[in-house]
């Protein structure tokens, strides 16, 4: 590769050192360009264009080839279709990672510290309650304990009711809660 760059540089230097002979035999100052001079000008411009191209493509030209480049690997194929039509969705989760939302962190801390409240007791339900029963009991207790209705400070109780309903009304959260609930 070194020889090619030296050759290109020498050609550029040679092209610039070409001397143009003055046209002294005609004094009316008309420009006459012979065929030889046209060839020299054209070759000089061609060399300049090639040199600019080589300068711009130097990273590609000088890149060292590896054994990976020579082989035909599946990872080198065009994957645009698979990228946009994949079965993997947003719910894909790497192995060894876990959800780190605020609610998940609070739930893990409560389980580790044995501070997990009994949401079934808060809503006045048994552990085998259906979704309809959960919804019905929550609405009754919410109407009964709402701060606007009771005129007393029952915001903490409403927060507990909302949290209990939030956990027990969602199937995934309910399964996770039932798995870790200890009485």
C-alpha atoms as a PDB file:
ATOM      1  CA  UNK A   1       0.000   0.000   0.000  1.00  0.00           C
ATOM      2  CA  UNK A   2       2.936   2.242   0.657  1.00  0.00           C
ATOM      3  CA  UNK A   3       4.134   1.957  -2.948  1.00  0.00           C
ATOM      4  CA  UNK A   4       0.772   3.097  -4.304  1.00  0.00           C
ATOM      5  CA  UNK A   5       0.724   6.226  -2.174  1.00  0.00           C
ATOM      6  CA  UNK A   6       4.331   7.070  -3.105  1.00  0.00           C
ATOM      7  CA  UNK A   7       3.485   6.562  -6.781  1.00  0.00           C
ATOM      8  CA  UNK A   8       0.409   8.798  -6.497  1.00  0.00           C
ATOM      9  CA  UNK A   9       2.431  11.541  -4.825  1.00  0.00           C
ATOM     10  CA  UNK A  10       5.135  11.354  -7.487  1.00  0.00           C
ATOM     11  CA  UNK A  11       2.513  11.602 -10.230  1.00  0.00           C
ATOM     12  CA  UNK A  12       1.007  14.679  -8.602  1.00  0.00           C
ATOM     13  CA  UNK A  13       4.411  16.318  -8.288  1.00  0.00           C
ATOM     14  CA  UNK A  14       5.307  15.427 -11.874  1.00  0.00           C
ATOM     15  CA  UNK A  15       1.990  16.830 -13.104  1.00  0.00           C
ATOM     16  CA  UNK A  16       2.554  20.143 -11.338  1.00  0.00           C
ATOM     17  CA  UNK A  17       6.139  20.502 -12.533  1.00  0.00           C
ATOM     18  CA  UNK A  18       5.198  20.261 -16.190  1.00  0.00           C
ATOM     19  CA  UNK A  19       6.216  23.482 -17.760  1.00  0.00           C
ATOM     20  CA  UNK A  20       3.977  25.247 -20.200  1.00  0.00           C
ATOM     21  CA  UNK A  21       5.966  26.765 -23.004  1.00  0.00           C
ATOM     22  CA  UNK A  22       5.100  30.379 -23.759  1.00  0.00           C
ATOM     23  CA  UNK A  23       3.728  31.034 -27.165  1.00  0.00           C
ATOM     24  CA  UNK A  24       6.145  33.651 -28.376  1.00  0.00           C
ATOM     25  CA  UNK A  25       5.668  33.360 -32.119  1.00  0.00           C
ATOM     26  CA  UNK A  26       2.196  34.927 -32.133  1.00  0.00           C
ATOM     27  CA  UNK A  27       1.890  38.391 -30.588  1.00  0.00           C
ATOM     28  CA  UNK A  28      -1.874  38.938 -30.878  1.00  0.00           C
ATOM     29  CA  UNK A  29      -2.195  37.025 -27.597  1.00  0.00           C
ATOM     30  CA  UNK A  30      -4.567  34.349 -28.821  1.00  0.00           C
ATOM     31  CA  UNK A  31      -4.396  31.280 -26.715  1.00  0.00           C
ATOM     32  CA  UNK A  32      -3.353  28.236 -28.688  1.00  0.00           C
ATOM     33  CA  UNK A  33      -3.404  24.917 -26.905  1.00  0.00           C
ATOM     34  CA  UNK A  34      -1.822  22.005 -28.691  1.00  0.00           C
ATOM     35  CA  UNK A  35      -3.000  18.435 -28.404  1.00  0.00           C
ATOM     36  CA  UNK A  36       0.010  17.548 -26.249  1.00  0.00           C
ATOM     37  CA  UNK A  37      -0.815  20.350 -23.810  1.00  0.00           C
ATOM     38  CA  UNK A  38      -4.448  19.217 -23.673  1.00  0.00           C
ATOM     39  CA  UNK A  39      -3.316  15.702 -22.795  1.00  0.00           C
ATOM     40  CA  UNK A  40      -1.019  17.062 -20.101  1.00  0.00           C
ATOM     41  CA  UNK A  41      -3.814  19.221 -18.608  1.00  0.00           C
ATOM     42  CA  UNK A  42      -6.318  16.382 -18.699  1.00  0.00           C
ATOM     43  CA  UNK A  43      -3.889  13.915 -17.099  1.00  0.00           C
ATOM     44  CA  UNK A  44      -3.064  16.486 -14.387  1.00  0.00           C
ATOM     45  CA  UNK A  45      -6.753  16.936 -13.540  1.00  0.00           C
ATOM     46  CA  UNK A  46      -7.300  13.173 -13.656  1.00  0.00           C
ATOM     47  CA  UNK A  47      -4.412  12.629 -11.254  1.00  0.00           C
ATOM     48  CA  UNK A  48      -5.774  15.333  -8.933  1.00  0.00           C
ATOM     49  CA  UNK A  49      -9.250  13.731  -8.918  1.00  0.00           C
ATOM     50  CA  UNK A  50      -7.774  10.289  -8.229  1.00  0.00           C
ATOM     51  CA  UNK A  51      -5.636  11.719  -5.411  1.00  0.00           C
ATOM     52  CA  UNK A  52      -8.678  13.402  -3.819  1.00  0.00           C
ATOM     53  CA  UNK A  53     -10.661  10.174  -4.102  1.00  0.00           C
ATOM     54  CA  UNK A  54      -7.839   8.179  -2.511  1.00  0.00           C
ATOM     55  CA  UNK A  55      -7.560  10.735   0.297  1.00  0.00           C
ATOM     56  CA  UNK A  56     -11.270  10.512   1.034  1.00  0.00           C
ATOM     57  CA  UNK A  57     -11.300   6.705   0.845  1.00  0.00           C
ATOM     58  CA  UNK A  58      -8.099   6.204   2.823  1.00  0.00           C
ATOM     59  CA  UNK A  59      -9.848   4.580   5.802  1.00  0.00           C
ATOM     60  CA  UNK A  60     -11.465   1.952   3.594  1.00  0.00           C
ATOM     61  CA  UNK A  61      -8.322   1.367   1.527  1.00  0.00           C
ATOM     62  CA  UNK A  62      -5.940   1.104   4.482  1.00  0.00           C
ATOM     63  CA  UNK A  63      -8.239  -0.988   6.690  1.00  0.00           C
ATOM     64  CA  UNK A  64      -6.648  -4.283   7.621  1.00  0.00           C
ATOM     65  CA  UNK A  65      -8.682  -7.297   6.577  1.00  0.00           C
ATOM     66  CA  UNK A  66      -9.340  -9.961   9.188  1.00  0.00           C
ATOM     67  CA  UNK A  67     -10.426 -13.574   8.947  1.00  0.00           C
ATOM     68  CA  UNK A  68     -13.940 -12.423   9.831  1.00  0.00           C
ATOM     69  CA  UNK A  69     -14.072 -10.328   6.628  1.00  0.00           C
ATOM     70  CA  UNK A  70     -13.179 -13.303   4.444  1.00  0.00           C
ATOM     71  CA  UNK A  71     -15.818 -15.669   5.845  1.00  0.00           C
ATOM     72  CA  UNK A  72     -19.548 -15.592   5.216  1.00  0.00           C
ATOM     73  CA  UNK A  73     -21.251 -15.159   8.588  1.00  0.00           C
ATOM     74  CA  UNK A  74     -24.945 -14.945   9.395  1.00  0.00           C
ATOM     75  CA  UNK A  75     -24.335 -11.751  11.368  1.00  0.00           C
ATOM     76  CA  UNK A  76     -23.080  -9.929   8.263  1.00  0.00           C
ATOM     77  CA  UNK A  77     -26.313 -10.422   6.319  1.00  0.00           C
ATOM     78  CA  UNK A  78     -28.913  -7.693   5.944  1.00  0.00           C
ATOM     79  CA  UNK A  79     -31.276  -7.956   8.908  1.00  0.00           C
ATOM     80  CA  UNK A  80     -33.654  -5.074   8.184  1.00  0.00           C
ATOM     81  CA  UNK A  81     -36.692  -7.301   7.728  1.00  0.00           C
ATOM     82  CA  UNK A  82     -36.030  -9.217  10.944  1.00  0.00           C
ATOM     83  CA  UNK A  83     -35.412  -5.981  12.805  1.00  0.00           C
ATOM     84  CA  UNK A  84     -38.882  -4.643  12.109  1.00  0.00           C
ATOM     85  CA  UNK A  85     -40.813  -7.935  11.920  1.00  0.00           C
ATOM     86  CA  UNK A  86     -39.367  -9.785  14.863  1.00  0.00           C
ATOM     87  CA  UNK A  87     -41.220 -11.841  17.443  1.00  0.00           C
ATOM     88  CA  UNK A  88     -39.183 -10.134  20.127  1.00  0.00           C
ATOM     89  CA  UNK A  89     -41.144  -7.240  21.524  1.00  0.00           C
ATOM     90  CA  UNK A  90     -40.658  -4.527  24.065  1.00  0.00           C
ATOM     91  CA  UNK A  91     -41.305  -7.056  26.805  1.00  0.00           C
ATOM     92  CA  UNK A  92     -37.999  -8.789  26.075  1.00  0.00           C
ATOM     93  CA  UNK A  93     -35.840  -8.829  29.156  1.00  0.00           C
ATOM     94  CA  UNK A  94     -32.212  -9.919  29.311  1.00  0.00           C
ATOM     95  CA  UNK A  95     -31.391 -12.850  31.548  1.00  0.00           C
ATOM     96  CA  UNK A  96     -30.044 -11.729  34.874  1.00  0.00           C
ATOM     97  CA  UNK A  97     -31.818  -8.399  34.820  1.00  0.00           C
ATOM     98  CA  UNK A  98     -34.960  -7.491  36.621  1.00  0.00           C
ATOM     99  CA  UNK A  99     -37.445  -4.706  36.449  1.00  0.00           C
ATOM    100  CA  UNK A 100     -36.270  -1.806  38.504  1.00  0.00           C
ATOM    101  CA  UNK A 101     -39.306   0.404  38.656  1.00  0.00           C
ATOM    102  CA  UNK A 102     -40.120   2.182  41.882  1.00  0.00           C
ATOM    103  CA  UNK A 103     -43.044  -0.159  42.603  1.00  0.00           C
ATOM    104  CA  UNK A 104     -40.932  -3.276  42.032  1.00  0.00           C
ATOM    105  CA  UNK A 105     -38.205  -1.946  44.304  1.00  0.00           C
ATOM    106  CA  UNK A 106     -40.755  -1.158  47.042  1.00  0.00           C
ATOM    107  CA  UNK A 107     -42.287  -4.621  46.691  1.00  0.00           C
ATOM    108  CA  UNK A 108     -38.886  -6.356  46.951  1.00  0.00           C
ATOM    109  CA  UNK A 109     -37.949  -4.281  50.004  1.00  0.00           C
ATOM    110  CA  UNK A 110     -41.271  -5.075  51.692  1.00  0.00           C
ATOM    111  CA  UNK A 111     -40.826  -8.814  51.044  1.00  0.00           C
ATOM    112  CA  UNK A 112     -37.242  -8.786  52.340  1.00  0.00           C
ATOM    113  CA  UNK A 113     -38.206  -6.894  55.507  1.00  0.00           C
ATOM    114  CA  UNK A 114     -41.414  -8.929  56.104  1.00  0.00           C
ATOM    115  CA  UNK A 115     -43.425  -5.703  55.895  1.00  0.00           C
ATOM    116  CA  UNK A 116     -45.736  -6.829  53.120  1.00  0.00           C
ATOM    117  CA  UNK A 117     -49.270  -5.767  54.125  1.00  0.00           C
ATOM    118  CA  UNK A 118     -52.188  -8.161  53.780  1.00  0.00           C
ATOM    119  CA  UNK A 119     -54.158  -6.493  50.998  1.00  0.00           C
ATOM    120  CA  UNK A 120     -56.921  -9.092  51.287  1.00  0.00           C
ATOM    121  CA  UNK A 121     -57.566  -7.995  54.905  1.00  0.00           C
ATOM    122  CA  UNK A 122     -57.496  -4.340  53.901  1.00  0.00           C
ATOM    123  CA  UNK A 123     -60.227  -4.962  51.323  1.00  0.00           C
ATOM    124  CA  UNK A 124     -62.062  -7.452  53.609  1.00  0.00           C
ATOM    125  CA  UNK A 125     -61.679 -10.405  51.249  1.00  0.00           C
ATOM    126  CA  UNK A 126     -60.563 -14.003  51.347  1.00  0.00           C
ATOM    127  CA  UNK A 127     -57.486 -15.105  49.401  1.00  0.00           C
ATOM    128  CA  UNK A 128     -59.577 -16.859  46.732  1.00  0.00           C
ATOM    129  CA  UNK A 129     -61.645 -13.755  45.850  1.00  0.00           C
ATOM    130  CA  UNK A 130     -62.573 -13.141  42.215  1.00  0.00           C
ATOM    131  CA  UNK A 131     -61.910  -9.936  40.275  1.00  0.00           C
ATOM    132  CA  UNK A 132     -65.551  -8.927  40.580  1.00  0.00           C
ATOM    133  CA  UNK A 133     -65.493  -9.322  44.371  1.00  0.00           C
ATOM    134  CA  UNK A 134     -62.266  -7.331  44.589  1.00  0.00           C
ATOM    135  CA  UNK A 135     -63.764  -4.523  42.512  1.00  0.00           C
ATOM    136  CA  UNK A 136     -67.054  -4.527  44.451  1.00  0.00           C
ATOM    137  CA  UNK A 137     -65.397  -4.431  47.913  1.00  0.00           C
ATOM    138  CA  UNK A 138     -62.955  -1.736  46.831  1.00  0.00           C
ATOM    139  CA  UNK A 139     -65.753   0.518  45.584  1.00  0.00           C
ATOM    140  CA  UNK A 140     -67.806   0.044  48.751  1.00  0.00           C
ATOM    141  CA  UNK A 141     -64.825   0.801  51.003  1.00  0.00           C
ATOM    142  CA  UNK A 142     -63.766   3.753  48.835  1.00  0.00           C
ATOM    143  CA  UNK A 143     -67.238   5.298  49.077  1.00  0.00           C
ATOM    144  CA  UNK A 144     -67.339   4.675  52.821  1.00  0.00           C
ATOM    145  CA  UNK A 145     -63.824   5.962  53.609  1.00  0.00           C
ATOM    146  CA  UNK A 146     -63.360   8.752  51.078  1.00  0.00           C
ATOM    147  CA  UNK A 147     -61.943  11.913  52.748  1.00  0.00           C
ATOM    148  CA  UNK A 148     -64.633  14.127  51.172  1.00  0.00           C
ATOM    149  CA  UNK A 149     -67.388  11.928  52.571  1.00  0.00           C
ATOM    150  CA  UNK A 150     -66.032  11.200  56.061  1.00  0.00           C
ATOM    151  CA  UNK A 151     -64.859  14.736  56.834  1.00  0.00           C
ATOM    152  CA  UNK A 152     -61.970  13.294  58.791  1.00  0.00           C
ATOM    153  CA  UNK A 153     -58.359  12.534  57.992  1.00  0.00           C
ATOM    154  CA  UNK A 154     -58.690   9.246  56.106  1.00  0.00           C
ATOM    155  CA  UNK A 155     -56.175   9.884  53.348  1.00  0.00           C
ATOM    156  CA  UNK A 156     -53.790   7.229  54.650  1.00  0.00           C
ATOM    157  CA  UNK A 157     -56.577   4.654  54.686  1.00  0.00           C
ATOM    158  CA  UNK A 158     -57.570   5.601  51.129  1.00  0.00           C
ATOM    159  CA  UNK A 159     -53.950   5.232  50.005  1.00  0.00           C
ATOM    160  CA  UNK A 160     -53.877   1.709  51.479  1.00  0.00           C
ATOM    161  CA  UNK A 161     -57.174   0.858  49.753  1.00  0.00           C
ATOM    162  CA  UNK A 162     -55.906   2.176  46.399  1.00  0.00           C
ATOM    163  CA  UNK A 163     -52.625   0.268  46.727  1.00  0.00           C
ATOM    164  CA  UNK A 164     -54.474  -2.935  47.651  1.00  0.00           C
ATOM    165  CA  UNK A 165     -56.824  -2.567  44.688  1.00  0.00           C
ATOM    166  CA  UNK A 166     -53.938  -1.718  42.357  1.00  0.00           C
ATOM    167  CA  UNK A 167     -52.075  -4.904  43.317  1.00  0.00           C
ATOM    168  CA  UNK A 168     -55.047  -7.285  43.479  1.00  0.00           C
ATOM    169  CA  UNK A 169     -56.794  -6.063  40.323  1.00  0.00           C
ATOM    170  CA  UNK A 170     -53.740  -6.715  38.114  1.00  0.00           C
ATOM    171  CA  UNK A 171     -53.298 -10.428  37.380  1.00  0.00           C
ATOM    172  CA  UNK A 172     -49.495 -10.335  37.179  1.00  0.00           C
ATOM    173  CA  UNK A 173     -49.107  -8.312  40.378  1.00  0.00           C
ATOM    174  CA  UNK A 174     -51.691 -10.485  42.174  1.00  0.00           C
ATOM    175  CA  UNK A 175     -49.802 -13.663  41.268  1.00  0.00           C
ATOM    176  CA  UNK A 176     -46.535 -12.154  42.462  1.00  0.00           C
ATOM    177  CA  UNK A 177     -48.205 -10.942  45.663  1.00  0.00           C
ATOM    178  CA  UNK A 178     -49.850 -14.321  46.363  1.00  0.00           C
ATOM    179  CA  UNK A 179     -46.513 -16.058  45.875  1.00  0.00           C
ATOM    180  CA  UNK A 180     -44.800 -13.974  48.569  1.00  0.00           C
ATOM    181  CA  UNK A 181     -47.694 -13.408  50.976  1.00  0.00           C
ATOM    182  CA  UNK A 182     -47.125 -15.130  54.296  1.00  0.00           C
ATOM    183  CA  UNK A 183     -49.697 -15.192  57.077  1.00  0.00           C
END
